[in-house]
Amino acid sequence: MATQGMFEVRPDRSGPKNLGVLLVLGSLMVLTYGYADWKSHSVGLSDEEAETFILNPSLAGDENITVAEYRAFEDEARENSAFLIRAVSLLIGGALVLIGGLFLLKLKRVGAYLCVA
């Protein structure tokens, strides 16, 4: 019966910890995007940032728009609280994933539930 210890089922401790590290890093990115949207709701882009955004072909697509057209879109989105709604949802989701990732690092089961919520 010496071989029984070799095939004994043991809990995996490295998998949840590795996943917890990845979730914490990912949540920091989501929280950064949420903060950027929060800032966009209150301040908006400067003229230089808007021009850079418009001139970047991967972001603008095939359409040629002017800074004034982008400002009109941004003002309409700000009036409808689009940036605020997105910022709050990203901040809440990022916080849940951050807390869940930290619990997974401590190998607590509630961490997995928080990350899925």
C-alpha atoms as a PDB file:
ATOM      1  CA  MET A   1       0.000   0.000   0.000  1.00  0.00           C
ATOM      2  CA  ALA A   2       2.974   2.351  -0.416  1.00  0.00           C
ATOM      3  CA  THR A   3       1.682   3.477  -3.807  1.00  0.00           C
ATOM      4  CA  GLN A   4      -1.579   4.777  -2.359  1.00  0.00           C
ATOM      5  CA  GLY A   5       0.078   8.057  -1.277  1.00  0.00           C
ATOM      6  CA  MET A   6       1.327   8.637  -4.796  1.00  0.00           C
ATOM      7  CA  PHE A   7      -2.183   8.601  -6.281  1.00  0.00           C
ATOM      8  CA  GLU A   8      -3.883  10.400  -3.420  1.00  0.00           C
ATOM      9  CA  VAL A   9      -6.145  13.281  -4.421  1.00  0.00           C
ATOM     10  CA  ARG A  10      -4.790  16.593  -3.138  1.00  0.00           C
ATOM     11  CA  PRO A  11      -6.263  20.063  -3.544  1.00  0.00           C
ATOM     12  CA  ASP A  12      -4.683  22.281  -6.173  1.00  0.00           C
ATOM     13  CA  ARG A  13      -3.295  25.415  -4.526  1.00  0.00           C
ATOM     14  CA  SER A  14      -1.304  26.949  -7.370  1.00  0.00           C
ATOM     15  CA  GLY A  15      -4.164  27.162  -9.900  1.00  0.00           C
ATOM     16  CA  PRO A  16      -6.446  29.477  -7.900  1.00  0.00           C
ATOM     17  CA  LYS A  17      -3.486  31.627  -6.872  1.00  0.00           C
ATOM     18  CA  ASN A  18      -2.350  32.050 -10.483  1.00  0.00           C
ATOM     19  CA  LEU A  19      -5.896  32.880 -11.512  1.00  0.00           C
ATOM     20  CA  GLY A  20      -6.131  35.344  -8.616  1.00  0.00           C
ATOM     21  CA  VAL A  21      -3.022  37.176  -9.822  1.00  0.00           C
ATOM     22  CA  LEU A  22      -4.416  37.421 -13.353  1.00  0.00           C
ATOM     23  CA  LEU A  23      -7.768  38.639 -12.045  1.00  0.00           C
ATOM     24  CA  VAL A  24      -6.132  41.321  -9.891  1.00  0.00           C
ATOM     25  CA  LEU A  25      -4.091  42.587 -12.846  1.00  0.00           C
ATOM     26  CA  GLY A  26      -7.137  42.549 -15.120  1.00  0.00           C
ATOM     27  CA  SER A  27      -9.244  44.358 -12.547  1.00  0.00           C
ATOM     28  CA  LEU A  28      -6.658  47.130 -12.316  1.00  0.00           C
ATOM     29  CA  MET A  29      -7.039  47.644 -16.070  1.00  0.00           C
ATOM     30  CA  VAL A  30     -10.832  47.735 -15.795  1.00  0.00           C
ATOM     31  CA  LEU A  31     -10.620  50.205 -12.906  1.00  0.00           C
ATOM     32  CA  THR A  32      -8.310  52.402 -14.988  1.00  0.00           C
ATOM     33  CA  TYR A  33     -10.847  52.452 -17.843  1.00  0.00           C
ATOM     34  CA  GLY A  34     -13.600  53.269 -15.359  1.00  0.00           C
ATOM     35  CA  TYR A  35     -11.597  56.182 -13.977  1.00  0.00           C
ATOM     36  CA  ALA A  36     -10.918  57.443 -17.512  1.00  0.00           C
ATOM     37  CA  ASP A  37     -14.655  57.388 -18.285  1.00  0.00           C
ATOM     38  CA  TRP A  38     -15.382  59.148 -14.993  1.00  0.00           C
ATOM     39  CA  LYS A  39     -12.904  61.818 -16.021  1.00  0.00           C
ATOM     40  CA  SER A  40     -14.442  62.014 -19.521  1.00  0.00           C
ATOM     41  CA  HIS A  41     -17.831  62.612 -17.942  1.00  0.00           C
ATOM     42  CA  SER A  42     -16.585  65.599 -15.977  1.00  0.00           C
ATOM     43  CA  VAL A  43     -13.854  67.108 -18.184  1.00  0.00           C
ATOM     44  CA  GLY A  44     -13.699  65.567 -21.665  1.00  0.00           C
ATOM     45  CA  LEU A  45     -10.819  65.415 -24.108  1.00  0.00           C
ATOM     46  CA  SER A  46      -8.628  68.390 -24.883  1.00  0.00           C
ATOM     47  CA  ASP A  47      -8.455  69.665 -28.469  1.00  0.00           C
ATOM     48  CA  GLU A  48      -5.097  67.943 -29.031  1.00  0.00           C
ATOM     49  CA  GLU A  49      -6.402  64.625 -27.691  1.00  0.00           C
ATOM     50  CA  ALA A  50      -9.559  64.885 -29.802  1.00  0.00           C
ATOM     51  CA  GLU A  51      -7.532  65.613 -32.931  1.00  0.00           C
ATOM     52  CA  THR A  52      -5.219  62.667 -32.220  1.00  0.00           C
ATOM     53  CA  PHE A  53      -8.260  60.468 -31.658  1.00  0.00           C
ATOM     54  CA  ILE A  54      -9.813  61.567 -34.946  1.00  0.00           C
ATOM     55  CA  LEU A  55      -6.603  61.197 -36.968  1.00  0.00           C
ATOM     56  CA  ASN A  56      -5.957  57.654 -35.730  1.00  0.00           C
ATOM     57  CA  PRO A  57      -7.317  55.464 -38.562  1.00  0.00           C
ATOM     58  CA  SER A  58      -7.969  52.426 -36.375  1.00  0.00           C
ATOM     59  CA  LEU A  59     -10.240  54.427 -34.062  1.00  0.00           C
ATOM     60  CA  ALA A  60     -12.010  56.647 -36.586  1.00  0.00           C
ATOM     61  CA  GLY A  61     -12.880  53.951 -39.112  1.00  0.00           C
ATOM     62  CA  ASP A  62     -13.551  54.873 -42.729  1.00  0.00           C
ATOM     63  CA  GLU A  63     -15.446  58.060 -41.957  1.00  0.00           C
ATOM     64  CA  ASN A  64     -13.747  61.445 -41.923  1.00  0.00           C
ATOM     65  CA  ILE A  65     -15.070  63.524 -39.055  1.00  0.00           C
ATOM     66  CA  THR A  66     -14.032  66.919 -37.787  1.00  0.00           C
ATOM     67  CA  VAL A  67     -13.218  67.998 -34.264  1.00  0.00           C
ATOM     68  CA  ALA A  68     -16.491  69.945 -34.127  1.00  0.00           C
ATOM     69  CA  GLU A  69     -18.502  66.824 -35.034  1.00  0.00           C
ATOM     70  CA  TYR A  70     -16.659  64.847 -32.380  1.00  0.00           C
ATOM     71  CA  ARG A  71     -17.336  67.596 -29.817  1.00  0.00           C
ATOM     72  CA  ALA A  72     -21.048  67.474 -30.667  1.00  0.00           C
ATOM     73  CA  PHE A  73     -21.058  63.698 -30.152  1.00  0.00           C
ATOM     74  CA  GLU A  74     -19.124  64.034 -26.891  1.00  0.00           C
ATOM     75  CA  ASP A  75     -21.474  66.735 -25.578  1.00  0.00           C
ATOM     76  CA  GLU A  76     -24.532  64.644 -26.425  1.00  0.00           C
ATOM     77  CA  ALA A  77     -23.023  61.599 -24.702  1.00  0.00           C
ATOM     78  CA  ARG A  78     -22.185  63.704 -21.653  1.00  0.00           C
ATOM     79  CA  GLU A  79     -25.736  65.149 -21.504  1.00  0.00           C
ATOM     80  CA  ASN A  80     -27.199  61.631 -21.624  1.00  0.00           C
ATOM     81  CA  SER A  81     -24.763  60.498 -18.874  1.00  0.00           C
ATOM     82  CA  ALA A  82     -23.341  57.774 -21.117  1.00  0.00           C
ATOM     83  CA  PHE A  83     -19.832  58.227 -19.745  1.00  0.00           C
ATOM     84  CA  LEU A  84     -21.113  58.201 -16.166  1.00  0.00           C
ATOM     85  CA  ILE A  85     -23.133  55.005 -16.628  1.00  0.00           C
ATOM     86  CA  ARG A  86     -20.183  53.254 -18.233  1.00  0.00           C
ATOM     87  CA  ALA A  87     -17.783  54.558 -15.564  1.00  0.00           C
ATOM     88  CA  VAL A  88     -19.946  53.364 -12.675  1.00  0.00           C
ATOM     89  CA  SER A  89     -20.447  49.924 -14.211  1.00  0.00           C
ATOM     90  CA  LEU A  90     -16.726  49.519 -14.907  1.00  0.00           C
ATOM     91  CA  LEU A  91     -15.770  50.691 -11.413  1.00  0.00           C
ATOM     92  CA  ILE A  92     -18.249  48.352  -9.703  1.00  0.00           C
ATOM     93  CA  GLY A  93     -17.233  45.384 -11.863  1.00  0.00           C
ATOM     94  CA  GLY A  94     -13.537  46.126 -11.451  1.00  0.00           C
ATOM     95  CA  ALA A  95     -13.906  46.408  -7.677  1.00  0.00           C
ATOM     96  CA  LEU A  96     -15.727  43.070  -7.471  1.00  0.00           C
ATOM     97  CA  VAL A  97     -13.079  41.340  -9.579  1.00  0.00           C
ATOM     98  CA  LEU A  98     -10.282  42.951  -7.536  1.00  0.00           C
ATOM     99  CA  ILE A  99     -11.782  41.824  -4.225  1.00  0.00           C
ATOM    100  CA  GLY A 100     -12.540  38.370  -5.641  1.00  0.00           C
ATOM    101  CA  GLY A 101      -8.999  38.043  -6.980  1.00  0.00           C
ATOM    102  CA  LEU A 102      -7.569  38.952  -3.591  1.00  0.00           C
ATOM    103  CA  PHE A 103      -9.784  36.332  -1.939  1.00  0.00           C
ATOM    104  CA  LEU A 104      -8.609  33.760  -4.497  1.00  0.00           C
ATOM    105  CA  LEU A 105      -5.016  34.581  -3.580  1.00  0.00           C
ATOM    106  CA  LYS A 106      -5.953  33.630  -0.010  1.00  0.00           C
ATOM    107  CA  LEU A 107      -7.683  30.483  -1.381  1.00  0.00           C
ATOM    108  CA  LYS A 108     -11.112  31.577  -0.144  1.00  0.00           C
ATOM    109  CA  ARG A 109     -14.109  30.179  -2.001  1.00  0.00           C
ATOM    110  CA  VAL A 110     -16.010  33.484  -1.869  1.00  0.00           C
ATOM    111  CA  GLY A 111     -13.412  34.953  -4.259  1.00  0.00           C
ATOM    112  CA  ALA A 112     -14.675  32.836  -7.130  1.00  0.00           C
ATOM    113  CA  TYR A 113     -18.253  33.901  -6.435  1.00  0.00           C
ATOM    114  CA  LEU A 114     -17.314  37.593  -6.355  1.00  0.00           C
ATOM    115  CA  CYS A 115     -15.430  37.347  -9.640  1.00  0.00           C
ATOM    116  CA  VAL A 116     -18.393  35.722 -11.354  1.00  0.00           C
ATOM    117  CA  ALA A 117     -20.912  38.211  -9.916  1.00  0.00           C
END
